[in-house]
Amino acid sequence: MVFHFLHEWELVTPNYWVVNIVGKGYALPFLEFPPPISPGPSICSEDHLLLLRQEVQVLLSKGTVELVPEQERGQGCYLRYFLIPKKDGQLRPILDLRILNWFPKQEKFKMLTLALVLLALNKEDWMVSGDLQDAYFHIPILKSHRRYQTFRNNLLELRAIPLAVKAFLPSLRGQSVQVLTVNTTTMWYINKQGGVDSYLLFREALRLWSWAQDHQICLVANHLAGVLNVLADSLSRHFSADHEWRLHPDLVLHIFRVWGFPRIDEFATRDNMHCPSFCSLQYPVQGALGDTFQMSWCGQLLYAFPPYP
């Protein structure tokens, strides 16, 4: 990264803004800091999942990403990380920043033209064209702002399994339970009762097995190919549209004047939101900050008008 050459940058430019970014990192220009965001896990094929893991290892080896410190985990913005096809048929990893783009101020950008470059040249100047591989990896993000560009890997999948097992606890006590999962990493961490690749996954697996032993339950995990997981996938994507109700705006304004003006509408869509930002039960939808029940509700004023059951 360019900060390894900070001294050389200080020699070639007196511009404090440039030198400060090279040395400390780029501060994201927020108008207001985003609330904690934690979207639901992405659904992808086993091939895509393997490619994503390989890409994460490459990014770690390059120093482009880093593990979130233990004391900061669960804070900040956890964004979706997925693959899209390129023109040559290969796949490109994408960090979904659409939610984050609601919060920075919109700076005007003007591309340098050839005419402007020529005006800056003197007689006998030389020009060099350079092409940096992964050029956007060379500028670091300010350390205190890195929490707003975070992604997680397998933790949510493993956390979902205890919730499913606990729902059937009365009839499962003293039984052997087969867990079907589309995530092979989750399968191995359950069957091996832990692992060494991820401390967070190890901790979740240990917590699951401790609970299972307390209730005399033996767990066996097997992999379920995504193409066979038709029923569960279909049910998880089905959502009734009979929730497009909201209080009258005049009444809501009166409530806000009494209790304060919240920034986030917890159960809304773009059509019925009463606040500048909203979360949705249908996430991902355009403009939503995240899944209503995946967001942190602590420490902030929120507006909630749940749909009718």
Protein backbone atom coordinates (compact mmCIF):
# COMPACT_ATOMS: atom_id res chain seq x y z
CA MET A 1 0.00 0.00 0.00
CA VAL A 2 1.03 3.60 -0.52
CA PHE A 3 1.56 4.30 3.21
CA HIS A 4 4.76 2.23 2.97
CA PHE A 5 6.09 5.10 0.84
CA LEU A 6 4.85 7.98 2.99
CA HIS A 7 8.30 9.63 3.14
CA GLU A 8 8.54 9.67 -0.67
CA TRP A 9 5.07 11.22 -0.95
CA GLU A 10 6.08 13.95 1.50
CA LEU A 11 9.01 14.78 -0.79
CA VAL A 12 6.97 15.08 -4.00
CA THR A 13 3.90 17.00 -2.77
CA PRO A 14 3.24 19.67 -0.12
CA ASN A 15 -0.51 18.94 -0.25
CA TYR A 16 -1.58 18.11 3.33
CA TRP A 17 -4.79 16.36 2.18
CA VAL A 18 -2.84 13.92 0.00
CA VAL A 19 -0.13 13.25 2.60
CA ASN A 20 -2.73 12.77 5.35
CA ILE A 21 -4.65 10.18 3.30
CA VAL A 22 -1.45 8.31 2.44
CA GLY A 23 -0.31 8.26 6.07
CA LYS A 24 -3.56 7.80 8.01
CA GLY A 25 -6.11 6.62 5.46
CA TYR A 26 -9.17 8.05 3.74
CA ALA A 27 -11.94 9.29 6.03
CA LEU A 28 -15.36 8.43 4.61
CA PRO A 29 -17.20 11.78 4.16
CA PHE A 30 -20.31 11.03 6.19
CA LEU A 31 -23.02 13.62 6.71
CA GLU A 32 -24.09 11.41 9.61
CA PHE A 33 -22.69 8.11 10.81
CA PRO A 34 -24.70 5.03 9.77
CA PRO A 35 -26.52 3.01 12.43
CA PRO A 36 -25.42 -0.60 13.01
CA ILE A 37 -26.36 -2.64 9.94
CA SER A 38 -26.49 -6.42 9.75
CA PRO A 39 -28.24 -7.80 6.63
CA GLY A 40 -29.29 -11.41 6.43
CA PRO A 41 -26.94 -14.04 5.01
CA SER A 42 -26.60 -14.22 1.22
CA ILE A 43 -27.74 -17.33 -0.61
CA CYS A 44 -25.22 -18.73 -3.09
CA SER A 45 -24.11 -22.02 -4.59
CA GLU A 46 -21.33 -24.15 -3.17
CA ASP A 47 -19.08 -23.20 -6.10
CA HIS A 48 -19.60 -19.50 -5.44
CA LEU A 49 -19.07 -20.01 -1.71
CA LEU A 50 -15.73 -21.70 -2.36
CA LEU A 51 -14.64 -18.87 -4.68
CA LEU A 52 -15.62 -16.27 -2.08
CA ARG A 53 -13.55 -18.00 0.59
CA GLN A 54 -10.58 -18.17 -1.75
CA GLU A 55 -10.97 -14.47 -2.56
CA VAL A 56 -11.07 -13.59 1.15
CA GLN A 57 -7.82 -15.51 1.69
CA VAL A 58 -6.22 -13.60 -1.21
CA LEU A 59 -7.36 -10.28 0.26
CA LEU A 60 -5.98 -11.27 3.67
CA SER A 61 -2.62 -12.22 2.15
CA LYS A 62 -2.43 -8.84 0.37
CA GLY A 63 -3.29 -6.95 3.53
CA THR A 64 -6.37 -5.51 1.84
CA VAL A 65 -8.74 -6.75 4.56
CA GLU A 66 -8.15 -7.57 8.21
CA LEU A 67 -9.96 -9.50 10.91
CA VAL A 68 -12.28 -7.35 13.01
CA PRO A 69 -10.87 -6.92 16.55
CA GLU A 70 -12.76 -8.94 19.16
CA GLN A 71 -13.96 -5.83 21.02
CA GLU A 72 -15.45 -4.34 17.82
CA ARG A 73 -17.28 -7.40 16.49
CA GLY A 74 -21.00 -6.91 15.97
CA GLN A 75 -20.62 -3.13 15.67
CA GLY A 76 -20.60 -0.97 12.55
CA CYS A 77 -22.00 -1.98 9.17
CA TYR A 78 -21.94 -5.59 8.00
CA LEU A 79 -22.41 -5.53 4.23
CA ARG A 80 -23.17 -8.26 1.68
CA TYR A 81 -20.19 -9.80 -0.14
CA PHE A 82 -21.10 -11.71 -3.30
CA LEU A 83 -20.05 -12.60 -6.87
CA ILE A 84 -21.16 -11.24 -10.24
CA PRO A 85 -20.11 -12.52 -13.69
CA LYS A 86 -17.56 -10.57 -15.75
CA LYS A 87 -17.59 -10.24 -19.56
CA ASP A 88 -14.90 -12.92 -19.90
CA GLY A 89 -17.04 -15.45 -18.01
CA GLN A 90 -15.11 -15.23 -14.74
CA LEU A 91 -16.60 -13.97 -11.48
CA ARG A 92 -15.92 -10.68 -9.72
CA PRO A 93 -16.39 -10.32 -5.93
CA ILE A 94 -18.49 -7.31 -4.91
CA LEU A 95 -18.93 -5.63 -1.53
CA ASP A 96 -22.45 -4.18 -1.59
CA LEU A 97 -22.14 -0.52 -0.54
CA ARG A 98 -25.63 0.59 -1.59
CA ILE A 99 -26.83 0.97 2.00
CA LEU A 100 -23.71 2.91 2.97
CA ASN A 101 -24.16 5.31 0.04
CA TRP A 102 -27.15 6.89 1.80
CA PHE A 103 -24.93 8.56 4.39
CA PRO A 104 -21.92 10.31 2.72
CA LYS A 105 -22.24 13.85 1.44
CA GLN A 106 -22.29 14.04 -2.34
CA GLU A 107 -19.05 15.66 -3.50
CA LYS A 108 -18.83 17.08 -7.01
CA PHE A 109 -16.29 15.25 -9.14
CA LYS A 110 -14.66 16.64 -12.26
CA MET A 111 -12.58 14.40 -14.49
CA LEU A 112 -9.25 15.84 -15.67
CA THR A 113 -9.28 16.33 -19.43
CA LEU A 114 -6.35 16.15 -21.83
CA ALA A 115 -6.59 19.93 -22.34
CA LEU A 116 -6.09 20.59 -18.60
CA VAL A 117 -3.16 18.17 -18.45
CA LEU A 118 -1.46 19.89 -21.39
CA LEU A 119 -1.74 23.27 -19.65
CA ALA A 120 0.20 21.85 -16.69
CA LEU A 121 3.12 20.67 -18.85
CA ASN A 122 6.34 22.59 -19.37
CA LYS A 123 8.78 22.35 -22.24
CA GLU A 124 10.75 19.07 -22.32
CA ASP A 125 8.48 17.44 -19.71
CA TRP A 126 8.03 13.69 -19.99
CA MET A 127 4.80 11.79 -19.42
CA VAL A 128 4.48 8.23 -18.14
CA SER A 129 1.40 6.03 -18.17
CA GLY A 130 1.12 3.52 -15.34
CA ASP A 131 -1.38 0.73 -14.77
CA LEU A 132 -1.65 -0.49 -11.18
CA GLN A 133 -3.19 -3.89 -10.53
CA ASP A 134 -5.91 -3.59 -7.84
CA ALA A 135 -5.26 0.15 -7.78
CA TYR A 136 -8.15 0.82 -5.39
CA PHE A 137 -6.50 -1.45 -2.77
CA HIS A 138 -3.52 0.90 -2.42
CA ILE A 139 -5.35 3.68 -0.54
CA PRO A 140 -6.20 2.64 3.04
CA ILE A 141 -9.40 3.58 4.87
CA LEU A 142 -9.06 5.57 8.09
CA LYS A 143 -8.86 3.02 10.92
CA SER A 144 -11.84 4.41 12.85
CA HIS A 145 -14.01 4.19 9.68
CA ARG A 146 -13.22 0.58 8.75
CA ARG A 147 -16.10 -0.68 10.87
CA TYR A 148 -18.45 0.74 8.21
CA GLN A 149 -17.11 -1.61 5.49
CA THR A 150 -17.32 -4.99 7.19
CA PHE A 151 -18.52 -8.37 6.00
CA ARG A 152 -18.90 -11.71 7.74
CA ASN A 153 -18.57 -15.20 6.42
CA ASN A 154 -20.25 -18.20 8.06
CA LEU A 155 -21.23 -17.03 11.53
CA LEU A 156 -24.88 -16.27 10.79
CA GLU A 157 -25.45 -19.74 9.33
CA LEU A 158 -24.13 -21.41 12.48
CA ARG A 159 -26.12 -19.09 14.76
CA ALA A 160 -29.36 -19.98 12.98
CA ILE A 161 -29.12 -23.70 13.79
CA PRO A 162 -29.49 -23.39 17.60
CA LEU A 163 -32.65 -21.33 17.09
CA ALA A 164 -34.17 -24.03 14.88
CA VAL A 165 -33.27 -26.84 17.29
CA LYS A 166 -34.58 -24.95 20.35
CA ALA A 167 -37.94 -24.44 18.63
CA PHE A 168 -38.53 -28.22 18.76
CA LEU A 169 -36.90 -28.82 22.15
CA PRO A 170 -39.73 -30.68 23.95
CA SER A 171 -39.83 -33.44 21.33
CA LEU A 172 -36.06 -33.57 20.73
CA ARG A 173 -34.86 -34.10 24.30
CA GLY A 174 -32.85 -37.31 24.55
CA GLN A 175 -32.83 -37.81 20.76
CA SER A 176 -30.26 -37.85 17.96
CA VAL A 177 -30.94 -34.91 15.64
CA GLN A 178 -29.86 -34.65 12.01
CA VAL A 179 -29.13 -31.06 10.94
CA LEU A 180 -29.31 -30.35 7.19
CA THR A 181 -27.37 -27.27 6.11
CA VAL A 182 -26.38 -25.77 2.76
CA ASN A 183 -23.14 -24.51 4.33
CA THR A 184 -20.32 -27.08 4.40
CA THR A 185 -18.28 -25.03 6.88
CA THR A 186 -21.18 -25.10 9.33
CA MET A 187 -21.49 -28.86 8.82
CA TRP A 188 -17.83 -29.46 9.66
CA TYR A 189 -17.83 -27.20 12.73
CA ILE A 190 -20.83 -29.07 14.15
CA ASN A 191 -19.52 -32.55 13.41
CA LYS A 192 -16.00 -31.75 14.66
CA GLN A 193 -17.41 -29.85 17.66
CA GLY A 194 -15.34 -26.82 16.68
CA GLY A 195 -12.37 -25.92 14.51
CA VAL A 196 -9.20 -23.81 14.30
CA ASP A 197 -9.90 -21.57 11.28
CA SER A 198 -12.28 -19.17 13.01
CA TYR A 199 -12.49 -18.37 16.72
CA LEU A 200 -16.04 -17.02 16.34
CA LEU A 201 -17.25 -20.21 14.63
CA PHE A 202 -15.48 -22.31 17.26
CA ARG A 203 -17.21 -20.36 20.03
CA GLU A 204 -20.64 -20.77 18.39
CA ALA A 205 -20.09 -24.50 17.87
CA LEU A 206 -18.98 -24.91 21.49
CA ARG A 207 -22.05 -23.01 22.70
CA LEU A 208 -24.33 -25.19 20.54
CA TRP A 209 -22.82 -28.45 21.79
CA SER A 210 -22.89 -27.33 25.43
CA TRP A 211 -26.60 -26.60 25.10
CA ALA A 212 -27.21 -29.92 23.30
CA GLN A 213 -25.44 -31.91 26.03
CA ASP A 214 -27.46 -30.16 28.73
CA HIS A 215 -30.61 -31.45 27.00
CA GLN A 216 -29.21 -34.89 26.10
CA ILE A 217 -29.31 -34.19 22.37
CA CYS A 218 -26.78 -35.68 19.92
CA LEU A 219 -26.24 -33.58 16.78
CA VAL A 220 -25.20 -34.91 13.37
CA ALA A 221 -24.87 -32.41 10.51
CA ASN A 222 -25.15 -33.30 6.82
CA HIS A 223 -24.77 -31.14 3.74
CA LEU A 224 -27.90 -30.33 1.73
CA ALA A 225 -27.14 -29.13 -1.78
CA GLY A 226 -28.71 -25.76 -2.53
CA VAL A 227 -30.57 -27.10 -5.58
CA LEU A 228 -32.36 -29.60 -3.29
CA ASN A 229 -33.32 -27.00 -0.70
CA VAL A 230 -36.34 -25.95 -2.75
CA LEU A 231 -39.10 -25.91 -0.11
CA ALA A 232 -37.23 -23.97 2.58
CA ASP A 233 -35.87 -21.52 0.03
CA SER A 234 -39.32 -20.91 -1.43
CA LEU A 235 -40.92 -20.38 2.00
CA SER A 236 -38.18 -17.96 3.06
CA ARG A 237 -38.73 -15.84 -0.05
CA HIS A 238 -42.55 -15.74 0.18
CA PHE A 239 -43.91 -12.64 1.82
CA SER A 240 -47.45 -11.34 2.02
CA ALA A 241 -48.01 -7.87 0.61
CA ASP A 242 -50.84 -7.20 3.12
CA HIS A 243 -48.62 -4.95 5.21
CA GLU A 244 -48.86 -1.68 3.26
CA TRP A 245 -50.52 0.18 6.11
CA ARG A 246 -49.33 3.26 7.95
CA LEU A 247 -50.58 5.86 10.40
CA HIS A 248 -51.75 9.18 9.00
CA PRO A 249 -48.74 11.50 8.49
CA ASP A 250 -50.35 14.28 10.59
CA LEU A 251 -50.79 11.89 13.51
CA VAL A 252 -47.22 10.63 13.17
CA LEU A 253 -45.90 14.20 13.10
CA HIS A 254 -47.78 14.94 16.33
CA ILE A 255 -46.24 11.83 17.96
CA PHE A 256 -42.75 12.80 16.80
CA ARG A 257 -43.14 16.31 18.21
CA VAL A 258 -43.92 14.81 21.61
CA TRP A 259 -41.38 11.97 21.71
CA GLY A 260 -38.70 13.15 19.31
CA PHE A 261 -37.92 12.67 15.63
CA PRO A 262 -36.49 9.18 14.90
CA ARG A 263 -34.14 8.54 11.99
CA ILE A 264 -35.23 5.00 11.09
CA ASP A 265 -38.67 3.48 10.35
CA GLU A 266 -38.31 -0.15 11.48
CA PHE A 267 -41.23 -1.75 9.57
CA ALA A 268 -41.61 0.06 6.27
CA THR A 269 -41.08 0.25 2.54
CA ARG A 270 -40.05 3.13 0.33
CA ASP A 271 -43.78 3.87 -0.22
CA ASN A 272 -44.95 4.07 3.41
CA MET A 273 -41.87 5.20 5.37
CA HIS A 274 -42.22 8.11 7.83
CA CYS A 275 -38.48 8.57 8.53
CA PRO A 276 -35.42 9.48 6.41
CA SER A 277 -34.29 5.82 6.46
CA PHE A 278 -36.13 2.53 6.84
CA CYS A 279 -35.68 -1.18 7.48
CA SER A 280 -37.80 -3.87 5.88
CA LEU A 281 -39.11 -7.34 6.62
CA GLN A 282 -38.59 -8.05 2.92
CA TYR A 283 -34.88 -7.19 2.86
CA PRO A 284 -33.10 -6.92 0.48
CA VAL A 285 -35.24 -4.21 -1.12
CA GLN A 286 -34.07 -1.03 -2.75
CA GLY A 287 -33.19 1.68 -0.24
CA ALA A 288 -33.61 -0.42 2.93
CA LEU A 289 -30.88 -0.27 5.56
CA GLY A 290 -31.31 -3.94 6.34
CA ASP A 291 -33.54 -6.65 7.75
CA THR A 292 -35.68 -5.25 10.58
CA PHE A 293 -34.87 -8.12 12.95
CA GLN A 294 -31.17 -8.17 12.08
CA MET A 295 -30.63 -4.53 13.06
CA SER A 296 -29.50 -3.28 16.46
CA TRP A 297 -32.29 -1.35 18.21
CA CYS A 298 -30.12 -0.17 21.11
CA GLY A 299 -29.10 3.39 21.87
CA GLN A 300 -31.17 5.19 19.23
CA LEU A 301 -34.66 6.58 18.75
CA LEU A 302 -36.63 4.41 16.32
CA TYR A 303 -40.16 4.36 14.92
CA ALA A 304 -41.93 0.99 14.75
CA PHE A 305 -45.39 0.36 13.29
CA PRO A 306 -45.43 -3.43 12.82
CA PRO A 307 -47.64 -5.01 10.12
CA TYR A 308 -50.87 -6.72 11.04
CA PRO A 309 -50.42 -10.47 11.76
